[in-house]
Amino acid sequence: ALFGIVVREENDHKKKAWDNEVRLFHFYDGSTDQETPLGSLYLDPFRRPLKSSEIFMGQLIEAPTTKTMTTFMNLNIRPPIWDNMPNQISLKDAVDLFHEWGHVLQFILADREKGSINGAFHLSLDVSEILPQFME
């Protein structure tokens, strides 16, 4: 478990996403046997017509009862040419992926005991880039 978290992909994610290529991952606290839910991530990795070419992540929902965060990550990776072929990504795509992954970790792992007043929302720009730069 990296950073004390366990990440599992949901197998039935295509019903819950806006495109068939979007994948849904759930994060759990791996430091205990109970695996408490921490949040979820919708990963939208591939470029397609009418999709924004910007690379970013954001918050979709914060569940008030469980204090879990649902986030999304938008990347602009060239899709594989054939369905049965592995996809080779560029170095820039890999750096972008890990950079945005750092932002996702800030949101998912933030202490939400105070509701929406958590570190991920109230960090100055230079501080908010420390973990993403480290992940690169």
Protein backbone atom coordinates (compact mmCIF):
# COMPACT_ATOMS: atom_id res chain seq x y z
CA ALA A 1 0.00 0.00 0.00
CA LEU A 2 1.62 3.23 -1.20
CA PHE A 3 1.19 6.11 1.31
CA GLY A 4 -0.91 3.72 3.44
CA ILE A 5 -3.72 3.63 0.90
CA VAL A 6 -5.20 0.79 -1.13
CA VAL A 7 -6.55 1.62 -4.60
CA ARG A 8 -9.07 -0.65 -6.31
CA GLU A 9 -10.65 -0.25 -9.72
CA GLU A 10 -14.40 -0.65 -9.91
CA ASN A 11 -15.27 -3.31 -12.48
CA ASP A 12 -18.73 -1.93 -13.26
CA HIS A 13 -17.56 1.65 -13.86
CA LYS A 14 -18.86 2.06 -17.42
CA LYS A 15 -22.42 2.51 -16.17
CA LYS A 16 -21.32 5.33 -13.90
CA ALA A 17 -19.05 7.37 -16.20
CA TRP A 18 -19.53 9.82 -19.05
CA ASP A 19 -17.43 7.81 -21.53
CA ASN A 20 -16.50 4.13 -21.96
CA GLU A 21 -12.78 4.93 -21.57
CA VAL A 22 -13.25 6.57 -18.16
CA ARG A 23 -12.12 4.37 -15.27
CA LEU A 24 -13.28 4.60 -11.65
CA PHE A 25 -10.91 3.92 -8.76
CA HIS A 26 -11.75 3.79 -5.04
CA PHE A 27 -9.21 4.66 -2.32
CA TYR A 28 -9.20 2.97 1.09
CA ASP A 29 -7.18 3.47 4.25
CA GLY A 30 -4.80 0.51 4.14
CA SER A 31 -3.37 1.10 7.63
CA THR A 32 -6.19 -0.83 9.30
CA ASP A 33 -7.94 -4.12 8.60
CA GLN A 34 -11.26 -2.34 8.02
CA GLU A 35 -10.14 -0.45 4.89
CA THR A 36 -12.10 2.72 5.55
CA PRO A 37 -13.16 4.49 2.31
CA LEU A 38 -11.19 7.69 1.62
CA GLY A 39 -12.53 8.72 -1.77
CA SER A 40 -12.78 7.96 -5.46
CA LEU A 41 -11.18 9.03 -8.72
CA TYR A 42 -12.62 9.10 -12.23
CA LEU A 43 -9.66 8.84 -14.62
CA ASP A 44 -10.36 10.16 -18.14
CA PRO A 45 -6.99 9.52 -19.83
CA PHE A 46 -7.51 9.57 -23.60
CA ARG A 47 -8.13 12.39 -26.05
CA ARG A 48 -11.30 12.24 -28.13
CA PRO A 49 -13.38 14.62 -30.25
CA LEU A 50 -15.11 17.41 -28.28
CA LYS A 51 -13.10 16.65 -25.11
CA SER A 52 -11.03 19.41 -23.56
CA SER A 53 -7.32 19.05 -24.33
CA GLU A 54 -6.43 20.65 -20.99
CA ILE A 55 -4.74 18.53 -18.32
CA PHE A 56 -6.33 19.06 -14.92
CA MET A 57 -8.09 17.46 -11.98
CA GLY A 58 -10.97 18.62 -9.87
CA GLN A 59 -13.51 17.76 -7.23
CA LEU A 60 -16.85 16.28 -8.25
CA ILE A 61 -18.56 15.50 -4.94
CA GLU A 62 -17.83 15.51 -1.25
CA ALA A 63 -20.06 13.07 0.62
CA PRO A 64 -21.13 14.90 3.81
CA THR A 65 -21.85 11.78 5.87
CA THR A 66 -18.66 9.85 5.15
CA LYS A 67 -16.45 12.88 4.35
CA THR A 68 -15.11 11.09 1.27
CA MET A 69 -14.07 13.00 -1.83
CA THR A 70 -14.84 12.07 -5.43
CA THR A 71 -12.37 13.63 -7.88
CA PHE A 72 -11.65 13.41 -11.58
CA MET A 73 -8.47 13.61 -13.64
CA ASN A 74 -8.52 14.76 -17.25
CA LEU A 75 -5.49 13.83 -19.39
CA ASN A 76 -4.76 14.15 -23.10
CA ILE A 77 -3.05 10.83 -23.92
CA ARG A 78 -3.21 9.48 -27.47
CA PRO A 79 -5.46 6.39 -27.34
CA PRO A 80 -4.19 3.00 -28.51
CA ILE A 81 -4.66 2.36 -32.24
CA TRP A 82 -6.10 -1.12 -31.73
CA ASP A 83 -8.07 -2.41 -28.75
CA ASN A 84 -5.74 -5.36 -28.18
CA MET A 85 -2.50 -3.32 -28.31
CA PRO A 86 -0.74 -1.81 -25.29
CA ASN A 87 -0.59 1.96 -25.27
CA GLN A 88 2.82 3.62 -25.23
CA ILE A 89 2.68 7.02 -23.60
CA SER A 90 5.16 9.84 -24.01
CA LEU A 91 7.40 11.12 -21.23
CA LYS A 92 5.29 14.31 -21.09
CA ASP A 93 2.12 12.23 -20.64
CA ALA A 94 3.77 10.29 -17.79
CA VAL A 95 4.90 13.51 -16.09
CA ASP A 96 1.40 14.99 -16.46
CA LEU A 97 -0.15 11.82 -15.02
CA PHE A 98 2.08 11.83 -11.94
CA HIS A 99 1.69 15.59 -11.46
CA GLU A 100 -2.11 15.39 -11.45
CA TRP A 101 -1.87 12.25 -9.28
CA GLY A 102 -0.18 14.45 -6.66
CA HIS A 103 -3.15 16.84 -6.71
CA VAL A 104 -5.55 13.89 -6.40
CA LEU A 105 -3.65 12.66 -3.34
CA GLN A 106 -3.95 16.12 -1.77
CA PHE A 107 -7.72 15.98 -2.11
CA ILE A 108 -8.24 12.31 -1.23
CA LEU A 109 -5.89 12.28 1.78
CA ALA A 110 -6.85 15.68 3.23
CA ASP A 111 -8.35 15.62 6.72
CA ARG A 112 -12.01 16.50 6.21
CA GLU A 113 -13.10 16.70 9.84
CA LYS A 114 -13.80 20.40 9.33
CA GLY A 115 -15.99 19.85 6.25
CA SER A 116 -14.97 21.91 3.24
CA ILE A 117 -12.32 23.74 5.27
CA ASN A 118 -9.47 21.39 4.51
CA GLY A 119 -5.94 21.87 3.33
CA ALA A 120 -6.54 21.07 -0.33
CA PHE A 121 -8.85 24.09 -0.70
CA HIS A 122 -6.88 26.59 1.33
CA LEU A 123 -3.29 26.09 0.19
CA SER A 124 -1.42 28.88 -1.49
CA LEU A 125 -0.43 28.14 -5.09
CA ASP A 126 3.23 27.47 -4.30
CA VAL A 127 2.39 25.07 -1.45
CA SER A 128 -0.30 23.30 -3.49
CA GLU A 129 2.36 22.35 -6.07
CA ILE A 130 4.81 20.69 -3.63
CA LEU A 131 3.30 17.19 -3.70
CA PRO A 132 2.59 17.24 -7.48
CA GLN A 133 6.17 18.35 -8.16
CA PHE A 134 7.44 15.60 -5.85
CA MET A 135 5.31 13.01 -7.67
CA GLU A 136 6.83 14.02 -11.03
